[in-house]
Amino acid sequence: MFPRLRFYWVVAVCGAVLMALEILSSRVLAPHYGNSVYVWGSIISVFLAALSLGYLLGGRLADRQPSMAALGRMVALAAACEAILLLFGPRLAAALAAFTGGNPAGTLLATAVLFGPASVLLATVSPWAVRLAARDLGHLGNTAGRLFALSTLGSLGGTLACTFLLIPFLELRQTLGLLTAATALTACVAFAGSFRSEAPAAALAVLLLVFSIPAASIATRGASDLIYERVTPYQTLQVYERDGVRTLRSDRVPQAAVSLADHESTLPYNRAAPAVLLIRPHPRRALIIGLGGGTIGRYLQARDPELDIHYVDIDPAIPEIAKRFFFFQPGPRMRVTVEDGRQFLHNSSEKWDLIYGDAYIGQSVPFHLTTVQFLDEVKRHLTPGGAFGLNLAGGLSDPFSQAIYRTIRERFDSVYLFRVQRSFNALVVATLNPEVLSSAELVQRGRELDRTMRFAPPLATLATWRGEVALDTAKIPILTDDFAPTDRLIRLGQGLRRGK
């Protein structure tokens, strides 16, 4: 009975670890390559290639050495590759991103280098197991079917465990440590009864098992000003503190920054957000899609305490971090809902005077928050005279920003563009009011509002940041649910900026 259970353990656990690595790979790569379709396409391609190569290699080696001990050697080597990831994975990913420029082809290379070796070795288990279990050629098909089913069930368990248990509740290093330990333990199980004859490989497996758990708890701060780090199902979040400023980064991209002296935002684009008040003065209810550190809402509400703000963010870790590090305090007039922004709008019957979008996740943008269908949903939830504001992190110089700007112009009657000073960002404000205010009227309105509201820069100054842009509509697509190539457009824009 024990040999059979030992055999099934090896098959199931290796399948589980293999798929857990595939899920986890996105969190290793995202801080340097984003979380785009290119990243996931690279991950899936590399793991499929690893499976093919592993099946081929495992079948050949199994015919030469059809023993559990020989299989244990492959599993021990896989554990060694995972230990390298545990020790050096994030740093290797950063080095490869610097070498390749973070482009899609670089993502493919980084995935292959970081996860290819362990995946190939783990994939050898299934054909090896079929060879070891084959006793009667008349039942070979049934034997192979049962073992591949067991391996697939293990893969299912690894996928679910990594997605819903490991990534949401453990740090990246802890998760890698557990996977390394599980693989090393599985190698030891495979060596049961043959430790003496397989002394070097068995010793390696035991060493990796003993090493992996404490290694997972070692601090991995890459910079002295990093005070907190958390890997979530959506992004890698890091909090830095330097020179009296605390910054939140999502996959290395700044999402919020506050001064510890006055608790207000230091990011220029956050300071420019009140420009929406030039188009819709004195809103009573505002919906902000994307919480970050909660700085925009606090900045607005500090000047207008009667403003009711409702935040929506898809990542449940964000409200926790905003409260812990960025002085965000939910209350009757400052609510937070953890949900996808578009789904929230779809399921809601409420209307707002102002809806503001700032839903970038690191280097990626949820495409479904850029399309005409999303904008139509936004329009349905605006009060008469209400306004929609959108932060464009790339300004209007890149193809993605131009595409979403054109899409907004297609769906709203009046669209205003404000170029944020000392920043790449631009702010787009759109309304269903066909009457377009002149620049002089905006400046005058800003002066009137500045009498009671003390923004910095003043609203009258923000009004002077209004600009125009000429769009080549023949080359710029309108984004729809059927066609919204945001990842390609963002990457193209990054390539154009690097080429300048």
Protein backbone atom coordinates (compact mmCIF):
# COMPACT_ATOMS: atom_id res chain seq x y z
CA MET A 1 0.00 0.00 0.00
CA PHE A 2 2.78 2.45 0.93
CA PRO A 3 4.64 2.12 -2.42
CA ARG A 4 1.42 2.92 -4.27
CA LEU A 5 0.66 5.94 -2.11
CA ARG A 6 4.25 7.11 -2.49
CA PHE A 7 3.93 6.78 -6.25
CA TYR A 8 0.64 8.69 -6.35
CA TRP A 9 2.07 11.40 -4.09
CA VAL A 10 4.92 12.08 -6.49
CA VAL A 11 2.59 12.29 -9.49
CA ALA A 12 -0.01 14.53 -7.84
CA VAL A 13 2.32 16.92 -6.01
CA CYS A 14 4.56 17.51 -9.02
CA GLY A 15 1.49 18.36 -11.08
CA ALA A 16 0.32 20.75 -8.34
CA VAL A 17 3.67 22.51 -8.04
CA LEU A 18 3.99 22.88 -11.80
CA MET A 19 0.70 24.75 -12.14
CA ALA A 20 1.30 26.77 -8.96
CA LEU A 21 4.55 27.97 -10.53
CA GLU A 22 2.66 29.04 -13.65
CA ILE A 23 0.23 31.13 -11.62
CA LEU A 24 2.99 32.54 -9.41
CA SER A 25 5.18 33.45 -12.38
CA SER A 26 2.90 36.38 -13.21
CA ARG A 27 3.59 37.94 -9.81
CA VAL A 28 7.35 37.57 -10.28
CA LEU A 29 7.22 39.16 -13.74
CA ALA A 30 4.54 41.83 -13.23
CA PRO A 31 6.68 44.41 -11.36
CA HIS A 32 9.02 44.54 -14.36
CA TYR A 33 6.85 43.63 -17.36
CA GLY A 34 3.33 44.53 -16.25
CA ASN A 35 0.34 42.22 -16.21
CA SER A 36 -0.67 42.49 -19.86
CA VAL A 37 -1.83 39.92 -22.38
CA TYR A 38 1.79 39.72 -23.55
CA VAL A 39 2.90 38.57 -20.12
CA TRP A 40 0.23 35.91 -19.88
CA GLY A 41 0.78 34.84 -23.47
CA SER A 42 4.49 34.40 -22.71
CA ILE A 43 3.77 32.47 -19.53
CA ILE A 44 1.34 30.08 -21.18
CA SER A 45 3.63 29.59 -24.18
CA VAL A 46 6.69 28.82 -22.06
CA PHE A 47 4.85 26.39 -19.81
CA LEU A 48 3.28 24.59 -22.77
CA ALA A 49 6.71 24.32 -24.38
CA ALA A 50 8.13 23.07 -21.07
CA LEU A 51 5.41 20.42 -20.84
CA SER A 52 6.15 19.22 -24.38
CA LEU A 53 9.89 19.08 -23.78
CA GLY A 54 9.43 17.49 -20.36
CA TYR A 55 7.14 14.78 -21.72
CA LEU A 56 9.64 13.98 -24.47
CA LEU A 57 12.62 13.99 -22.13
CA GLY A 58 10.83 12.04 -19.41
CA GLY A 59 9.72 9.33 -21.78
CA ARG A 60 13.24 8.77 -23.11
CA LEU A 61 14.92 8.80 -19.71
CA ALA A 62 12.28 6.52 -18.19
CA ASP A 63 13.02 3.84 -20.79
CA ARG A 64 16.70 4.00 -19.83
CA GLN A 65 16.21 4.08 -16.05
CA PRO A 66 12.73 2.90 -15.09
CA SER A 67 13.00 3.41 -11.33
CA MET A 68 11.55 5.68 -8.64
CA ALA A 69 15.06 6.62 -7.57
CA ALA A 70 15.88 7.95 -11.03
CA LEU A 71 12.62 9.88 -11.05
CA GLY A 72 13.53 11.26 -7.63
CA ARG A 73 16.70 12.74 -9.11
CA MET A 74 14.66 14.75 -11.60
CA VAL A 75 12.37 16.02 -8.84
CA ALA A 76 15.39 16.96 -6.70
CA LEU A 77 16.83 18.93 -9.60
CA ALA A 78 13.47 20.68 -10.01
CA ALA A 79 13.59 21.63 -6.33
CA ALA A 80 17.09 23.04 -6.87
CA CYS A 81 15.80 25.22 -9.73
CA GLU A 82 12.98 26.44 -7.51
CA ALA A 83 15.49 27.24 -4.76
CA ILE A 84 17.31 29.49 -7.23
CA LEU A 85 14.00 31.26 -7.85
CA LEU A 86 13.49 31.55 -4.12
CA LEU A 87 16.88 33.19 -3.62
CA PHE A 88 17.29 35.23 -6.77
CA GLY A 89 13.97 35.24 -8.71
CA PRO A 90 12.94 38.91 -8.29
CA ARG A 91 16.49 40.14 -8.84
CA LEU A 92 16.90 37.98 -11.93
CA ALA A 93 13.58 39.28 -13.26
CA ALA A 94 14.76 42.86 -12.70
CA ALA A 95 18.08 42.17 -14.43
CA LEU A 96 16.37 40.54 -17.42
CA ALA A 97 13.91 43.43 -17.67
CA ALA A 98 16.80 45.89 -17.72
CA PHE A 99 18.56 43.81 -20.37
CA THR A 100 15.50 43.42 -22.63
CA GLY A 101 13.90 46.80 -21.99
CA GLY A 102 10.73 45.20 -20.60
CA ASN A 103 9.32 44.52 -24.09
CA PRO A 104 7.04 41.57 -25.00
CA ALA A 105 9.92 39.53 -26.44
CA GLY A 106 11.80 40.15 -23.22
CA THR A 107 8.86 38.75 -21.28
CA LEU A 108 9.12 35.52 -23.23
CA LEU A 109 12.86 35.30 -22.55
CA ALA A 110 12.48 36.08 -18.85
CA THR A 111 9.74 33.47 -18.41
CA ALA A 112 11.84 30.84 -20.16
CA VAL A 113 14.97 31.59 -18.13
CA LEU A 114 13.24 31.83 -14.76
CA PHE A 115 10.62 29.10 -14.97
CA GLY A 116 11.60 26.91 -17.92
CA PRO A 117 14.12 24.59 -16.16
CA ALA A 118 11.92 23.69 -13.18
CA SER A 119 8.87 23.25 -15.41
CA VAL A 120 10.66 20.91 -17.83
CA LEU A 121 11.94 18.76 -14.95
CA LEU A 122 8.52 18.56 -13.28
CA ALA A 123 6.90 17.66 -16.61
CA THR A 124 9.08 14.55 -16.88
CA VAL A 125 7.11 12.97 -14.03
CA SER A 126 3.96 12.00 -15.96
CA PRO A 127 5.56 9.88 -18.75
CA TRP A 128 8.02 8.45 -16.21
CA ALA A 129 5.11 7.42 -14.00
CA VAL A 130 3.38 5.71 -16.93
CA ARG A 131 6.56 3.74 -17.65
CA LEU A 132 6.89 2.66 -14.02
CA ALA A 133 3.24 1.68 -13.71
CA ALA A 134 3.10 -0.26 -17.00
CA ARG A 135 2.81 -3.93 -16.14
CA ASP A 136 0.27 -5.20 -18.62
CA LEU A 137 0.25 -3.84 -22.16
CA GLY A 138 -3.40 -4.81 -22.41
CA HIS A 139 -4.24 -2.21 -19.77
CA LEU A 140 -1.64 0.41 -20.69
CA GLY A 141 -4.24 2.88 -21.90
CA ASN A 142 -6.19 2.64 -18.66
CA THR A 143 -2.97 3.03 -16.63
CA ALA A 144 -1.86 6.08 -18.59
CA GLY A 145 -5.33 7.61 -18.33
CA ARG A 146 -5.46 7.21 -14.54
CA LEU A 147 -2.01 8.71 -14.04
CA PHE A 148 -2.60 11.68 -16.31
CA ALA A 149 -5.95 12.23 -14.58
CA LEU A 150 -4.17 12.17 -11.20
CA SER A 151 -1.53 14.60 -12.45
CA THR A 152 -4.22 16.90 -13.84
CA LEU A 153 -6.15 16.80 -10.55
CA GLY A 154 -2.93 17.73 -8.80
CA SER A 155 -2.51 20.61 -11.26
CA LEU A 156 -6.06 21.72 -10.51
CA GLY A 157 -5.37 21.65 -6.80
CA GLY A 158 -2.13 23.60 -7.25
CA THR A 159 -3.88 26.22 -9.39
CA LEU A 160 -6.70 26.76 -6.91
CA ALA A 161 -4.42 26.73 -3.85
CA CYS A 162 -1.99 29.23 -5.35
CA THR A 163 -4.77 31.49 -6.67
CA PHE A 164 -7.06 31.56 -3.63
CA LEU A 165 -4.78 30.73 -0.69
CA LEU A 166 -1.08 31.32 -1.28
CA ILE A 167 -0.96 34.56 -3.28
CA PRO A 168 -3.73 36.38 -1.34
CA PHE A 169 -2.34 35.53 2.12
CA LEU A 170 1.41 34.93 1.79
CA GLU A 171 4.31 36.99 0.56
CA LEU A 172 5.98 36.02 -2.71
CA ARG A 173 9.05 34.63 -0.99
CA GLN A 174 6.95 32.55 1.42
CA THR A 175 5.00 31.03 -1.46
CA LEU A 176 8.18 30.17 -3.36
CA GLY A 177 9.58 28.65 -0.18
CA LEU A 178 6.54 26.42 0.27
CA LEU A 179 6.68 25.23 -3.33
CA THR A 180 10.39 24.49 -3.03
CA ALA A 181 9.78 22.59 0.21
CA ALA A 182 6.93 20.59 -1.34
CA THR A 183 9.10 19.62 -4.31
CA ALA A 184 12.07 18.69 -2.10
CA LEU A 185 9.81 16.63 0.17
CA THR A 186 8.42 14.85 -2.90
CA ALA A 187 11.96 14.00 -3.99
CA CYS A 188 12.59 12.51 -0.54
CA VAL A 189 9.42 10.46 -0.87
CA ALA A 190 10.62 9.18 -4.24
CA PHE A 191 13.95 8.20 -2.65
CA ALA A 192 12.29 6.18 0.13
CA GLY A 193 14.10 2.85 0.36
CA SER A 194 17.04 3.97 -1.77
CA PHE A 195 18.68 6.74 0.27
CA ARG A 196 22.01 4.91 0.46
CA SER A 197 22.29 4.16 -3.25
CA GLU A 198 21.13 7.68 -4.13
CA ALA A 199 23.08 9.44 -1.39
CA PRO A 200 24.13 12.61 -3.33
CA ALA A 201 20.69 13.31 -4.80
CA ALA A 202 18.92 12.36 -1.57
CA ALA A 203 21.21 14.63 0.41
CA LEU A 204 20.42 17.47 -1.98
CA ALA A 205 16.70 16.90 -1.51
CA VAL A 206 17.00 16.87 2.29
CA LEU A 207 19.20 19.97 2.23
CA LEU A 208 16.69 21.84 0.05
CA LEU A 209 13.84 20.78 2.31
CA VAL A 210 15.64 22.00 5.43
CA PHE A 211 16.77 25.21 3.71
CA SER A 212 13.58 26.31 1.95
CA ILE A 213 11.34 27.03 4.93
CA PRO A 214 13.68 29.36 6.89
CA ALA A 215 14.89 30.93 3.63
CA ALA A 216 11.31 31.95 2.89
CA SER A 217 11.20 34.05 6.04
CA ILE A 218 14.38 36.04 5.37
CA ALA A 219 13.68 39.72 4.67
CA THR A 220 14.04 40.60 1.00
CA ARG A 221 13.99 44.36 1.01
CA GLY A 222 15.79 45.57 -2.04
CA ALA A 223 16.05 49.14 -0.78
CA SER A 224 16.44 50.70 2.64
CA ASP A 225 13.36 52.88 2.14
CA LEU A 226 11.01 49.95 1.42
CA ILE A 227 8.79 49.60 4.49
CA TYR A 228 6.10 47.22 3.22
CA GLU A 229 5.55 44.81 0.35
CA ARG A 230 2.60 42.63 -0.56
CA VAL A 231 1.80 40.42 -3.52
CA THR A 232 -1.91 40.29 -4.35
CA PRO A 233 -3.83 38.47 -7.11
CA TYR A 234 -3.75 41.73 -9.09
CA GLN A 235 -0.39 43.37 -8.47
CA THR A 236 2.74 43.68 -6.37
CA LEU A 237 2.31 46.55 -3.93
CA GLN A 238 5.24 48.29 -2.26
CA VAL A 239 5.30 51.18 0.20
CA TYR A 240 8.42 53.35 0.34
CA GLU A 241 9.34 56.16 2.68
CA ARG A 242 12.02 58.72 1.94
CA ASP A 243 12.64 62.37 2.83
CA GLY A 244 9.30 62.76 4.56
CA VAL A 245 7.27 61.31 1.66
CA ARG A 246 5.52 57.94 1.68
CA THR A 247 4.87 56.37 -1.74
CA LEU A 248 2.70 53.48 -2.90
CA ARG A 249 3.89 51.64 -6.00
CA SER A 250 1.94 49.09 -8.01
CA ASP A 251 4.30 46.87 -10.00
CA ARG A 252 6.94 49.60 -9.55
CA VAL A 253 4.67 52.39 -10.87
CA PRO A 254 3.80 55.17 -8.35
CA GLN A 255 0.10 55.16 -7.47
CA ALA A 256 0.05 57.50 -4.48
CA ALA A 257 2.44 59.67 -2.49
CA VAL A 258 1.77 61.70 0.63
CA SER A 259 3.76 64.14 2.69
CA LEU A 260 4.13 62.92 6.26
CA ALA A 261 4.02 66.54 7.41
CA ASP A 262 0.52 67.47 6.15
CA HIS A 263 -0.76 64.08 4.85
CA GLU A 264 -1.54 65.54 1.42
CA SER A 265 -0.57 64.19 -1.98
CA THR A 266 2.74 65.12 -3.54
CA LEU A 267 1.99 63.65 -6.98
CA PRO A 268 1.35 66.39 -9.58
CA TYR A 269 -1.51 64.53 -11.26
CA ASN A 270 -3.34 64.16 -7.92
CA ARG A 271 -2.97 67.90 -7.40
CA ALA A 272 -4.43 68.47 -10.87
CA ALA A 273 -7.55 66.35 -10.24
CA PRO A 274 -9.58 69.34 -8.90
CA ALA A 275 -9.64 70.68 -12.48
CA VAL A 276 -12.85 68.63 -12.83
CA LEU A 277 -14.47 71.28 -10.61
CA LEU A 278 -13.94 73.83 -13.38
CA ILE A 279 -16.41 71.84 -15.47
CA ARG A 280 -18.71 70.65 -12.67
CA PRO A 281 -18.48 73.08 -9.73
CA HIS A 282 -19.67 72.06 -6.27
CA PRO A 283 -20.49 68.37 -6.87
CA ARG A 284 -22.30 66.73 -3.97
CA ARG A 285 -21.62 63.10 -4.85
CA ALA A 286 -18.49 61.68 -6.49
CA LEU A 287 -17.51 58.17 -7.53
CA ILE A 288 -13.79 57.43 -7.92
CA ILE A 289 -12.78 54.21 -9.67
CA GLY A 290 -9.36 53.25 -8.31
CA LEU A 291 -8.49 53.98 -4.69
CA GLY A 292 -4.69 54.02 -4.60
CA GLY A 293 -3.84 55.78 -1.36
CA GLY A 294 -7.21 57.55 -1.28
CA THR A 295 -5.40 60.87 -1.74
CA ILE A 296 -7.58 62.42 -4.46
CA GLY A 297 -10.77 62.02 -2.48
CA ARG A 298 -9.19 63.36 0.71
CA TYR A 299 -7.74 66.31 -1.19
CA LEU A 300 -11.14 67.24 -2.60
CA GLN A 301 -13.06 66.61 0.60
CA ALA A 302 -10.63 68.66 2.72
CA ARG A 303 -11.75 71.74 0.72
CA ASP A 304 -15.41 70.71 0.49
CA PRO A 305 -16.46 68.73 3.60
CA GLU A 306 -19.98 68.31 2.23
CA LEU A 307 -18.72 66.25 -0.72
CA ASP A 308 -19.76 62.60 -0.48
CA ILE A 309 -17.15 60.29 -2.01
CA HIS A 310 -17.51 56.64 -2.93
CA TYR A 311 -14.39 54.72 -3.94
CA VAL A 312 -14.40 51.45 -5.89
CA ASP A 313 -11.31 49.26 -6.17
CA ILE A 314 -10.99 45.66 -7.30
CA ASP A 315 -8.07 44.79 -4.99
CA PRO A 316 -9.07 44.20 -1.34
CA ALA A 317 -5.49 44.88 -0.23
CA ILE A 318 -5.64 48.50 -1.39
CA PRO A 319 -8.08 49.80 1.27
CA GLU A 320 -6.02 48.09 3.98
CA ILE A 321 -2.80 49.72 2.78
CA ALA A 322 -4.47 53.10 2.30
CA LYS A 323 -5.70 53.05 5.89
CA ARG A 324 -2.45 51.73 7.34
CA PHE A 325 0.04 53.92 5.51
CA PHE A 326 -1.76 56.81 3.75
CA PHE A 327 -4.04 58.29 6.42
CA PHE A 328 -7.20 57.14 4.66
CA GLN A 329 -10.20 56.99 6.98
CA PRO A 330 -13.48 55.62 5.59
CA GLY A 331 -16.63 57.10 7.06
CA PRO A 332 -20.19 58.15 6.24
CA ARG A 333 -18.93 60.52 3.52
CA MET A 334 -15.94 58.44 2.42
CA ARG A 335 -16.98 54.91 1.49
CA VAL A 336 -15.10 52.08 -0.21
CA THR A 337 -16.46 49.14 -2.17
CA VAL A 338 -14.19 46.29 -3.21
CA GLU A 339 -15.41 45.36 -6.68
CA ASP A 340 -14.56 45.71 -10.35
CA GLY A 341 -15.46 49.28 -11.34
CA ARG A 342 -17.49 48.37 -14.40
CA GLN A 343 -19.40 45.64 -12.60
CA PHE A 344 -20.13 48.04 -9.79
CA LEU A 345 -21.64 50.54 -12.22
CA HIS A 346 -23.59 47.83 -14.01
CA ASN A 347 -25.16 46.63 -10.76
CA SER A 348 -25.83 50.09 -9.34
CA SER A 349 -28.84 52.36 -9.80
CA GLU A 350 -27.15 55.39 -8.22
CA LYS A 351 -26.09 58.56 -10.00
CA TRP A 352 -23.16 60.85 -9.28
CA ASP A 353 -22.29 64.44 -10.09
CA LEU A 354 -18.72 63.39 -10.76
CA ILE A 355 -17.20 60.08 -11.83
CA TYR A 356 -13.40 59.93 -11.87
CA GLY A 357 -11.35 57.09 -13.35
CA ASP A 358 -7.84 56.27 -12.16
CA ALA A 359 -7.66 52.49 -12.53
CA TYR A 360 -4.15 51.85 -13.76
CA ILE A 361 -2.57 48.70 -12.30
CA GLY A 362 1.17 49.07 -12.59
CA GLN A 363 2.08 49.14 -16.27
CA SER A 364 -1.30 47.74 -17.32
CA VAL A 365 -4.79 49.12 -17.83
CA PRO A 366 -7.99 47.03 -17.51
CA PHE A 367 -9.16 47.22 -21.12
CA HIS A 368 -12.85 46.96 -20.17
CA LEU A 369 -12.54 50.35 -18.42
CA THR A 370 -11.56 52.09 -21.66
CA THR A 371 -14.25 51.12 -24.18
CA VAL A 372 -17.35 52.84 -25.53
CA GLN A 373 -19.48 50.31 -23.63
CA PHE A 374 -17.85 51.37 -20.37
CA LEU A 375 -18.31 55.05 -21.21
CA ASP A 376 -21.97 54.44 -21.96
CA GLU A 377 -22.25 52.86 -18.51
CA VAL A 378 -20.61 55.94 -17.02
CA LYS A 379 -23.04 58.25 -18.86
CA ARG A 380 -25.97 56.29 -17.43
CA HIS A 381 -24.78 57.10 -13.91
CA LEU A 382 -24.12 60.83 -14.31
CA THR A 383 -26.58 63.37 -12.95
CA PRO A 384 -27.69 66.17 -15.31
CA GLY A 385 -24.67 68.40 -15.75
CA GLY A 386 -22.39 65.73 -14.29
CA ALA A 387 -18.81 65.21 -15.47
CA PHE A 388 -16.50 62.29 -16.10
CA GLY A 389 -12.80 62.75 -15.35
CA LEU A 390 -10.03 60.40 -16.41
CA ASN A 391 -6.33 60.38 -15.59
CA LEU A 392 -4.13 59.51 -18.57
CA ALA A 393 -0.73 58.46 -17.23
CA GLY A 394 0.95 58.85 -20.61
CA GLY A 395 -0.42 62.28 -21.44
CA LEU A 396 -1.47 62.47 -25.09
CA SER A 397 1.83 61.54 -26.67
CA ASP A 398 1.33 57.77 -26.81
CA PRO A 399 -1.06 55.68 -28.95
CA PHE A 400 -3.06 54.31 -26.02
CA SER A 401 -3.84 57.73 -24.57
CA GLN A 402 -4.79 59.04 -27.99
CA ALA A 403 -7.11 56.06 -28.54
CA ILE A 404 -8.95 56.48 -25.26
CA TYR A 405 -9.13 60.26 -25.78
CA ARG A 406 -10.70 59.73 -29.19
CA THR A 407 -13.11 57.17 -27.71
CA ILE A 408 -14.22 59.66 -25.05
CA ARG A 409 -14.74 62.34 -27.70
CA GLU A 410 -16.97 59.94 -29.61
CA ARG A 411 -19.27 59.35 -26.62
CA PHE A 412 -19.45 62.78 -24.92
CA ASP A 413 -20.63 66.13 -26.23
CA SER A 414 -17.91 68.27 -24.62
CA VAL A 415 -14.39 67.14 -23.80
CA TYR A 416 -11.66 69.17 -22.07
CA LEU A 417 -7.98 68.29 -21.89
CA PHE A 418 -5.62 69.52 -19.16
CA ARG A 419 -1.90 68.85 -19.44
CA VAL A 420 -0.46 68.30 -15.96
CA GLN A 421 2.65 70.38 -15.37
CA ARG A 422 5.82 68.59 -14.17
CA SER A 423 4.28 65.27 -15.16
CA PHE A 424 3.61 63.05 -18.16
CA ASN A 425 -0.05 62.85 -17.12
CA ALA A 426 -3.04 64.50 -18.69
CA LEU A 427 -6.53 64.92 -17.30
CA VAL A 428 -9.57 64.50 -19.55
CA VAL A 429 -12.92 65.87 -18.38
CA ALA A 430 -16.06 65.12 -20.38
CA THR A 431 -19.72 66.12 -20.07
CA LEU A 432 -22.97 65.65 -21.97
CA ASN A 433 -23.44 69.42 -22.10
CA PRO A 434 -22.89 70.55 -25.72
CA GLU A 435 -21.91 74.06 -24.59
CA VAL A 436 -18.11 74.28 -24.46
CA LEU A 437 -16.59 76.77 -22.04
CA SER A 438 -13.78 78.94 -23.37
CA SER A 439 -10.39 79.09 -21.69
CA ALA A 440 -11.17 82.58 -20.41
CA GLU A 441 -14.43 81.33 -18.89
CA LEU A 442 -12.59 78.48 -17.18
CA VAL A 443 -10.05 80.87 -15.69
CA GLN A 444 -12.84 83.15 -14.43
CA ARG A 445 -14.68 80.20 -12.91
CA GLY A 446 -11.45 79.08 -11.28
CA ARG A 447 -10.95 82.49 -9.68
CA GLU A 448 -14.47 82.42 -8.27
CA LEU A 449 -13.98 78.94 -6.80
CA ASP A 450 -10.58 79.88 -5.40
CA ARG A 451 -12.28 82.37 -3.07
CA THR A 452 -13.58 79.51 -0.96
CA MET A 453 -11.36 76.58 -1.94
CA ARG A 454 -7.62 76.58 -1.33
CA PHE A 455 -6.13 74.13 -3.79
CA ALA A 456 -2.47 74.12 -4.72
CA PRO A 457 -2.11 74.91 -7.57
CA PRO A 458 -5.21 77.15 -7.53
CA LEU A 459 -8.08 76.29 -9.84
CA ALA A 460 -7.43 79.43 -11.88
CA THR A 461 -3.93 78.12 -12.57
CA LEU A 462 -5.24 74.66 -13.46
CA ALA A 463 -7.53 76.35 -16.00
CA THR A 464 -4.48 77.65 -17.84
CA TRP A 465 -3.26 74.07 -18.29
CA ARG A 466 -6.04 73.43 -20.76
CA GLY A 467 -4.72 72.27 -24.11
CA GLU A 468 -5.69 70.80 -27.44
CA VAL A 469 -4.38 67.92 -29.48
CA ALA A 470 -4.83 67.06 -33.13
CA LEU A 471 -5.71 63.42 -33.69
CA ASP A 472 -5.10 61.41 -36.84
CA THR A 473 -8.39 59.54 -36.72
CA ALA A 474 -7.33 57.29 -39.61
CA LYS A 475 -4.64 55.75 -37.40
CA ILE A 476 -6.25 55.93 -33.97
CA PRO A 477 -8.86 53.26 -33.15
CA ILE A 478 -12.04 53.70 -31.17
CA LEU A 479 -11.87 51.25 -28.28
CA THR A 480 -14.72 48.76 -27.96
CA ASP A 481 -15.31 45.55 -26.03
CA ASP A 482 -14.66 43.70 -29.28
CA PHE A 483 -11.43 45.55 -30.06
CA ALA A 484 -9.44 47.30 -27.35
CA PRO A 485 -5.74 46.48 -27.87
CA THR A 486 -4.65 48.48 -24.83
CA ASP A 487 -1.59 46.33 -24.16
CA ARG A 488 -0.26 46.74 -27.71
CA LEU A 489 -0.91 50.47 -27.68
CA ILE A 490 0.77 50.96 -24.30
CA ARG A 491 3.82 48.95 -25.38
CA LEU A 492 4.01 50.90 -28.62
CA GLY A 493 3.93 54.13 -26.64
CA GLN A 494 6.71 52.94 -24.35
CA GLY A 495 8.79 52.04 -27.38
CA LEU A 496 8.25 55.48 -28.89
CA ARG A 497 9.34 57.20 -25.65
CA ARG A 498 12.48 55.08 -25.44
CA GLY A 499 13.29 55.96 -29.04
CA LYS A 500 13.26 59.71 -28.40
